[in-house]
């Protein structure tokens, strides 16, 4: 039976026993990045993952003196993190993307209003240290996870991503193996329907050809080069832009929106290409004219296949830039 952490107060320990604190930090250090990624997969938000990991580690530290070693430290910490995320998910609900909420728009929307009532999915920064890289962070996979119940999400991540046995997963979640197998079956079925199986993780870093494609996409949009822009698109490409609810499906609709809004209504763009969720990302900055300061506008994740862009997800949230170590403006 797993230890019950529900009644552990989330408070800082006094620093009287420094040796115990040092042992705890040594145990946590090699697992911290993986635990944070696990919280992100569970919650679909880098900000929620920050809060959940801090909460989980405070709970774990409060219980550290009572940890009896009947499981590995890894299993124990992932148990605490999973239960913390389940509590958070119940309180805050599921994260979403526009494509999950309604049909594609039929005409370019030039006066969209952000929907701030919806809890939107966010991108996830790739670890700077390649030795700390984590897999199973592709945006489509994390977005599909949000369609599952909290228990289905936790069971699938613990067993199929982290390699827990069904018994250990049941202990971590305070349930039995029958419930775990049932949750796994439902979760795997949903992921299979969306072609987002964790059995085939994307590579932790995009290839040079993918990054090159992202650079060409950014240049075409910034230069209002519609012909080049269209040439980069797969026929079934989609474009979504949380917190706007409108999204577009098919190369014709995506090109029509690109021409009507970013290429026509937005005076000047500057761009940087980075990575997030193991994918190429274009950071877009907008300015009143070419020589003016350009302010952070969106982080745009680019999905690619066979040298074509199959999905564009623009997170219109300047506050995300700091989390990705990007400047708020370019002069």
Protein backbone atom coordinates (compact mmCIF):
# COMPACT_ATOMS: atom_id res chain seq x y z
CA UNK A 1 0.00 0.00 0.00
CA UNK A 2 1.40 3.41 -1.01
CA UNK A 3 1.84 6.08 1.62
CA UNK A 4 -1.01 8.59 1.82
CA UNK A 5 0.21 12.16 1.27
CA UNK A 6 -3.21 13.82 1.25
CA UNK A 7 -2.86 15.05 4.83
CA UNK A 8 0.71 16.31 4.57
CA UNK A 9 0.81 20.09 5.06
CA UNK A 10 2.52 22.00 2.26
CA UNK A 11 4.95 23.99 4.42
CA UNK A 12 8.68 24.58 4.49
CA UNK A 13 10.74 22.63 7.03
CA UNK A 14 12.93 24.51 9.44
CA UNK A 15 16.58 24.21 8.49
CA UNK A 16 17.67 22.61 11.77
CA UNK A 17 18.61 19.32 10.14
CA UNK A 18 20.79 20.40 7.22
CA UNK A 19 22.12 16.91 6.52
CA UNK A 20 18.61 15.58 5.95
CA UNK A 21 17.92 18.46 3.59
CA UNK A 22 21.09 17.76 1.64
CA UNK A 23 20.17 14.09 1.28
CA UNK A 24 16.75 15.08 0.02
CA UNK A 25 18.17 17.50 -2.54
CA UNK A 26 20.64 14.88 -3.78
CA UNK A 27 17.80 12.40 -4.23
CA UNK A 28 15.66 14.92 -6.10
CA UNK A 29 18.29 16.53 -8.34
CA UNK A 30 18.60 13.83 -11.05
CA UNK A 31 14.82 13.40 -11.17
CA UNK A 32 13.73 17.06 -11.14
CA UNK A 33 13.55 17.57 -14.93
CA UNK A 34 11.66 14.31 -15.46
CA UNK A 35 9.25 15.12 -12.64
CA UNK A 36 8.58 18.54 -14.15
CA UNK A 37 7.91 16.99 -17.57
CA UNK A 38 5.57 14.47 -15.94
CA UNK A 39 3.63 17.31 -14.30
CA UNK A 40 3.39 19.07 -17.68
CA UNK A 41 2.07 15.94 -19.41
CA UNK A 42 -0.50 15.55 -16.65
CA UNK A 43 -1.63 19.20 -16.63
CA UNK A 44 -0.91 20.57 -20.12
CA UNK A 45 0.54 23.84 -18.83
CA UNK A 46 4.12 24.79 -18.08
CA UNK A 47 2.90 27.21 -15.40
CA UNK A 48 0.77 24.54 -13.73
CA UNK A 49 3.75 22.17 -13.95
CA UNK A 50 5.92 24.72 -12.13
CA UNK A 51 3.38 25.04 -9.34
CA UNK A 52 2.64 21.31 -9.12
CA UNK A 53 6.31 20.34 -8.93
CA UNK A 54 6.96 22.88 -6.18
CA UNK A 55 3.90 21.61 -4.30
CA UNK A 56 4.95 17.97 -4.76
CA UNK A 57 8.50 18.57 -3.56
CA UNK A 58 7.26 20.43 -0.50
CA UNK A 59 4.99 17.49 0.29
CA UNK A 60 7.82 15.04 -0.28
CA UNK A 61 10.21 17.02 1.93
CA UNK A 62 7.61 17.17 4.69
CA UNK A 63 7.37 13.35 4.55
CA UNK A 64 11.05 12.61 3.90
CA UNK A 65 11.87 11.53 7.46
CA UNK A 66 9.01 9.01 7.23
CA UNK A 67 10.10 7.54 3.89
CA UNK A 68 10.84 3.90 4.73
CA UNK A 69 12.47 2.84 1.47
CA UNK A 70 9.87 0.18 0.62
CA UNK A 71 9.99 1.56 -2.92
CA UNK A 72 12.70 3.42 -4.82
CA UNK A 73 13.03 7.17 -4.33
CA UNK A 74 12.03 7.53 -7.99
CA UNK A 75 8.79 5.61 -7.50
CA UNK A 76 8.05 7.51 -4.30
CA UNK A 77 8.62 10.95 -5.84
CA UNK A 78 6.56 10.14 -8.93
CA UNK A 79 3.80 8.93 -6.62
CA UNK A 80 3.78 12.27 -4.79
CA UNK A 81 3.93 14.22 -8.08
CA UNK A 82 1.12 12.17 -9.66
CA UNK A 83 -1.21 12.64 -6.71
CA UNK A 84 -0.41 16.35 -6.59
CA UNK A 85 -1.25 16.66 -10.30
CA UNK A 86 -4.50 14.75 -9.86
CA UNK A 87 -5.50 17.23 -7.14
CA UNK A 88 -4.57 20.15 -9.40
CA UNK A 89 -6.42 18.69 -12.40
CA UNK A 90 -9.60 18.31 -10.34
CA UNK A 91 -9.37 21.93 -9.19
CA UNK A 92 -8.50 23.53 -12.53
CA UNK A 93 -10.04 21.26 -15.16
CA UNK A 94 -8.57 20.18 -18.48
CA UNK A 95 -6.44 22.22 -20.83
CA UNK A 96 -7.63 22.57 -24.43
CA UNK A 97 -6.69 23.70 -27.92
CA UNK A 98 -9.11 25.40 -30.36
CA UNK A 99 -9.21 22.33 -32.61
CA UNK A 100 -10.84 20.37 -29.76
CA UNK A 101 -13.65 22.86 -29.19
CA UNK A 102 -15.50 23.24 -32.48
CA UNK A 103 -15.37 23.09 -36.28
CA UNK A 104 -12.85 24.97 -38.40
CA UNK A 105 -13.66 28.50 -39.51
CA UNK A 106 -14.83 28.90 -43.11
CA UNK A 107 -13.63 32.50 -43.59
CA UNK A 108 -10.62 34.40 -42.19
CA UNK A 109 -11.54 36.14 -38.93
CA UNK A 110 -10.04 39.62 -38.87
CA UNK A 111 -11.55 40.78 -35.56
CA UNK A 112 -11.22 37.78 -33.24
CA UNK A 113 -11.57 38.25 -29.49
CA UNK A 114 -9.43 36.14 -27.12
CA UNK A 115 -11.42 33.72 -24.96
CA UNK A 116 -9.91 34.07 -21.50
CA UNK A 117 -12.47 31.77 -19.85
CA UNK A 118 -10.90 28.65 -21.36
CA UNK A 119 -7.90 26.97 -19.75
CA UNK A 120 -5.58 26.76 -22.75
CA UNK A 121 -2.74 24.30 -23.33
CA UNK A 122 0.72 25.88 -23.31
CA UNK A 123 4.02 24.87 -24.95
CA UNK A 124 6.90 23.37 -22.97
CA UNK A 125 10.54 24.58 -23.12
CA UNK A 126 13.06 21.99 -24.23
CA UNK A 127 15.77 21.34 -21.60
CA UNK A 128 18.95 23.24 -22.39
CA UNK A 129 21.05 20.29 -21.25
CA UNK A 130 20.81 17.45 -23.77
CA UNK A 131 21.63 14.99 -20.99
CA UNK A 132 18.40 16.09 -19.25
CA UNK A 133 16.20 15.88 -22.34
CA UNK A 134 12.85 14.19 -22.00
CA UNK A 135 10.65 12.51 -24.58
CA UNK A 136 6.88 12.18 -25.06
CA UNK A 137 6.39 15.94 -24.99
CA UNK A 138 5.08 16.43 -28.54
CA UNK A 139 2.21 18.89 -28.45
CA UNK A 140 -0.27 16.53 -30.16
CA UNK A 141 0.45 13.83 -27.57
CA UNK A 142 0.03 16.18 -24.60
CA UNK A 143 -3.12 17.69 -26.12
CA UNK A 144 -4.65 14.22 -26.55
CA UNK A 145 -3.80 13.35 -22.95
CA UNK A 146 -6.02 16.24 -21.87
CA UNK A 147 -9.01 14.44 -23.41
CA UNK A 148 -8.58 11.63 -20.88
CA UNK A 149 -9.84 11.57 -17.32
CA UNK A 150 -7.24 12.30 -14.64
CA UNK A 151 -6.98 8.60 -13.69
CA UNK A 152 -6.66 7.50 -17.33
CA UNK A 153 -3.96 10.11 -17.89
CA UNK A 154 -2.04 9.08 -14.79
CA UNK A 155 -2.26 5.34 -15.51
CA UNK A 156 -1.11 5.73 -19.09
CA UNK A 157 1.80 8.00 -18.19
CA UNK A 158 2.97 5.87 -15.28
CA UNK A 159 2.86 2.58 -17.23
CA UNK A 160 3.44 3.46 -20.90
CA UNK A 161 5.79 6.43 -20.50
CA UNK A 162 7.55 5.93 -17.16
CA UNK A 163 7.62 2.12 -17.22
CA UNK A 164 5.83 1.46 -13.94
CA UNK A 165 4.29 -1.97 -13.47
CA UNK A 166 0.52 -2.06 -13.16
CA UNK A 167 0.99 -2.95 -9.49
CA UNK A 168 3.26 0.04 -8.83
CA UNK A 169 0.93 2.34 -10.77
CA UNK A 170 -2.00 1.11 -8.70
CA UNK A 171 -0.05 1.79 -5.50
CA UNK A 172 0.89 5.26 -6.71
CA UNK A 173 -2.74 6.08 -7.46
CA UNK A 174 -4.20 4.39 -4.39
CA UNK A 175 -6.26 1.91 -6.43
CA UNK A 176 -6.06 -1.70 -7.69
CA UNK A 177 -4.57 -3.29 -10.80
CA UNK A 178 -8.01 -4.01 -12.28
CA UNK A 179 -8.77 -0.29 -12.29
CA UNK A 180 -5.35 0.44 -13.78
CA UNK A 181 -5.83 -2.02 -16.65
CA UNK A 182 -9.28 -0.56 -17.34
CA UNK A 183 -7.93 3.00 -17.36
CA UNK A 184 -5.05 1.93 -19.61
CA UNK A 185 -7.40 0.34 -22.12
CA UNK A 186 -9.54 3.46 -22.36
CA UNK A 187 -6.54 5.77 -22.57
CA UNK A 188 -4.75 3.72 -25.21
CA UNK A 189 -7.91 3.56 -27.30
CA UNK A 190 -8.28 7.35 -27.28
CA UNK A 191 -4.63 7.89 -28.16
CA UNK A 192 -4.86 5.32 -30.93
CA UNK A 193 -7.86 7.10 -32.43
CA UNK A 194 -5.86 10.32 -32.47
CA UNK A 195 -2.61 8.68 -33.70
CA UNK A 196 -0.81 9.91 -30.60
CA UNK A 197 0.53 6.67 -29.14
CA UNK A 198 3.41 7.02 -26.64
CA UNK A 199 4.90 3.84 -28.14
CA UNK A 200 6.34 6.04 -30.92
CA UNK A 201 7.84 9.14 -29.28
CA UNK A 202 9.16 11.91 -31.46
CA UNK A 203 12.87 12.62 -31.31
CA UNK A 204 13.81 14.97 -28.46
CA UNK A 205 15.19 17.56 -30.89
CA UNK A 206 13.89 18.53 -34.34
CA UNK A 207 16.12 17.71 -37.30
CA UNK A 208 18.04 20.33 -39.24
CA UNK A 209 15.62 19.96 -42.16
CA UNK A 210 12.70 20.67 -39.82
CA UNK A 211 14.44 23.75 -38.42
CA UNK A 212 15.18 24.89 -41.97
CA UNK A 213 11.51 24.50 -42.86
CA UNK A 214 10.57 26.61 -39.83
CA UNK A 215 13.00 29.33 -40.92
CA UNK A 216 11.45 29.37 -44.42
CA UNK A 217 7.95 29.52 -42.91
CA UNK A 218 8.95 32.48 -40.73
CA UNK A 219 10.59 34.34 -43.63
CA UNK A 220 7.66 33.78 -45.97
CA UNK A 221 5.16 35.12 -43.45
CA UNK A 222 7.36 38.06 -42.41
CA UNK A 223 7.98 38.99 -46.07
CA UNK A 224 4.32 38.53 -47.08
CA UNK A 225 5.50 35.96 -49.61
CA UNK A 226 2.24 34.06 -50.10
CA UNK A 227 3.50 31.84 -52.91
CA UNK A 228 6.42 30.50 -50.89
CA UNK A 229 4.17 30.19 -47.83
CA UNK A 230 1.68 28.02 -49.74
CA UNK A 231 4.46 25.84 -51.15
CA UNK A 232 5.46 24.89 -47.60
CA UNK A 233 2.01 23.61 -46.61
CA UNK A 234 0.65 20.07 -46.65
CA UNK A 235 -2.85 19.83 -48.20
CA UNK A 236 -4.43 18.96 -44.82
CA UNK A 237 -2.52 21.55 -42.74
CA UNK A 238 -4.25 23.17 -39.76
CA UNK A 239 -3.62 26.49 -38.00
CA UNK A 240 -4.86 27.30 -34.49
CA UNK A 241 -4.08 30.30 -32.29
CA UNK A 242 -5.07 30.05 -28.61
CA UNK A 243 -6.56 32.07 -26.93
CA UNK A 244 -8.52 32.69 -30.16
CA UNK A 245 -11.14 30.00 -30.71
CA UNK A 246 -11.09 30.16 -34.53
CA UNK A 247 -8.91 27.66 -36.35
CA UNK A 248 -8.36 26.78 -40.00
CA UNK A 249 -8.15 23.48 -41.88
CA UNK A 250 -6.68 22.83 -45.32
CA UNK A 251 -4.01 24.68 -47.29
CA UNK A 252 -6.50 27.02 -48.98
CA UNK A 253 -8.08 28.17 -45.69
CA UNK A 254 -4.71 28.51 -43.94
CA UNK A 255 -3.30 30.53 -46.86
CA UNK A 256 -6.40 32.75 -46.96
CA UNK A 257 -6.02 33.54 -43.26
CA UNK A 258 -2.26 34.16 -43.60
CA UNK A 259 -2.89 36.61 -46.44
CA UNK A 260 -5.83 38.38 -44.74
CA UNK A 261 -4.33 38.86 -41.28
CA UNK A 262 -0.58 38.45 -40.56
CA UNK A 263 0.54 39.37 -44.09
CA UNK A 264 -1.86 42.32 -44.50
CA UNK A 265 -2.94 43.71 -41.13
CA UNK A 266 0.34 43.32 -39.23
CA UNK A 267 2.88 46.00 -40.27
CA UNK A 268 6.25 44.34 -39.54
CA UNK A 269 7.52 41.03 -38.16
CA UNK A 270 10.79 39.85 -36.69
CA UNK A 271 11.38 36.22 -35.84
CA UNK A 272 13.57 33.81 -33.94
CA UNK A 273 13.55 30.03 -34.35
CA UNK A 274 13.86 27.96 -31.17
CA UNK A 275 12.57 24.56 -30.03
CA UNK A 276 9.84 23.46 -27.62
CA UNK A 277 8.02 20.16 -27.06
CA UNK A 278 10.78 18.60 -29.18
CA UNK A 279 9.51 20.63 -32.16
CA UNK A 280 10.58 23.68 -34.14
CA UNK A 281 9.11 26.94 -32.86
CA UNK A 282 9.03 30.42 -34.38
CA UNK A 283 8.96 33.31 -31.91
CA UNK A 284 7.16 36.18 -33.64
CA UNK A 285 7.67 39.83 -32.69
CA UNK A 286 5.43 42.58 -34.13
CA UNK A 287 6.31 46.22 -34.79
CA UNK A 288 4.60 49.34 -36.12
CA UNK A 289 7.16 49.50 -38.94
CA UNK A 290 10.48 47.92 -39.85
CA UNK A 291 12.62 50.33 -37.82
CA UNK A 292 10.36 50.39 -34.75
CA UNK A 293 10.80 48.23 -31.66
CA UNK A 294 9.14 44.84 -32.10
CA UNK A 295 7.18 43.41 -29.18
CA UNK A 296 6.69 39.74 -28.33
CA UNK A 297 3.55 38.37 -29.97
CA UNK A 298 3.36 34.58 -30.32
CA UNK A 299 5.24 31.31 -30.03
CA UNK A 300 4.32 29.20 -33.05
CA UNK A 301 4.94 25.44 -32.97
CA UNK A 302 5.35 23.87 -36.40
CA UNK A 303 4.42 20.26 -37.11
CA UNK A 304 6.11 18.77 -40.16
CA UNK A 305 6.05 15.58 -42.19
CA UNK A 306 7.78 14.75 -45.46
CA UNK A 307 9.25 18.27 -45.78
CA UNK A 308 5.84 19.93 -45.48
CA UNK A 309 4.08 21.77 -42.67
CA UNK A 310 1.14 19.76 -41.36
CA UNK A 311 0.19 21.85 -38.32
CA UNK A 312 0.70 25.39 -37.03
CA UNK A 313 -0.11 26.27 -33.42
CA UNK A 314 0.43 29.90 -32.47
CA UNK A 315 0.31 30.62 -28.74
CA UNK A 316 -0.56 34.33 -28.63
CA UNK A 317 0.77 35.05 -25.16
CA UNK A 318 3.73 37.44 -24.73
CA UNK A 319 4.03 36.34 -21.10
CA UNK A 320 5.32 32.95 -22.30
CA UNK A 321 8.47 34.51 -23.79
CA UNK A 322 10.25 34.90 -20.44
CA UNK A 323 9.61 31.23 -19.63
CA UNK A 324 11.49 30.37 -22.85
CA UNK A 325 14.38 32.77 -22.08
CA UNK A 326 13.31 35.07 -24.90
CA UNK A 327 13.39 38.89 -24.69
CA UNK A 328 10.10 40.75 -24.43
CA UNK A 329 11.07 43.00 -27.35
CA UNK A 330 13.62 43.39 -30.14
CA UNK A 331 14.98 46.85 -30.97
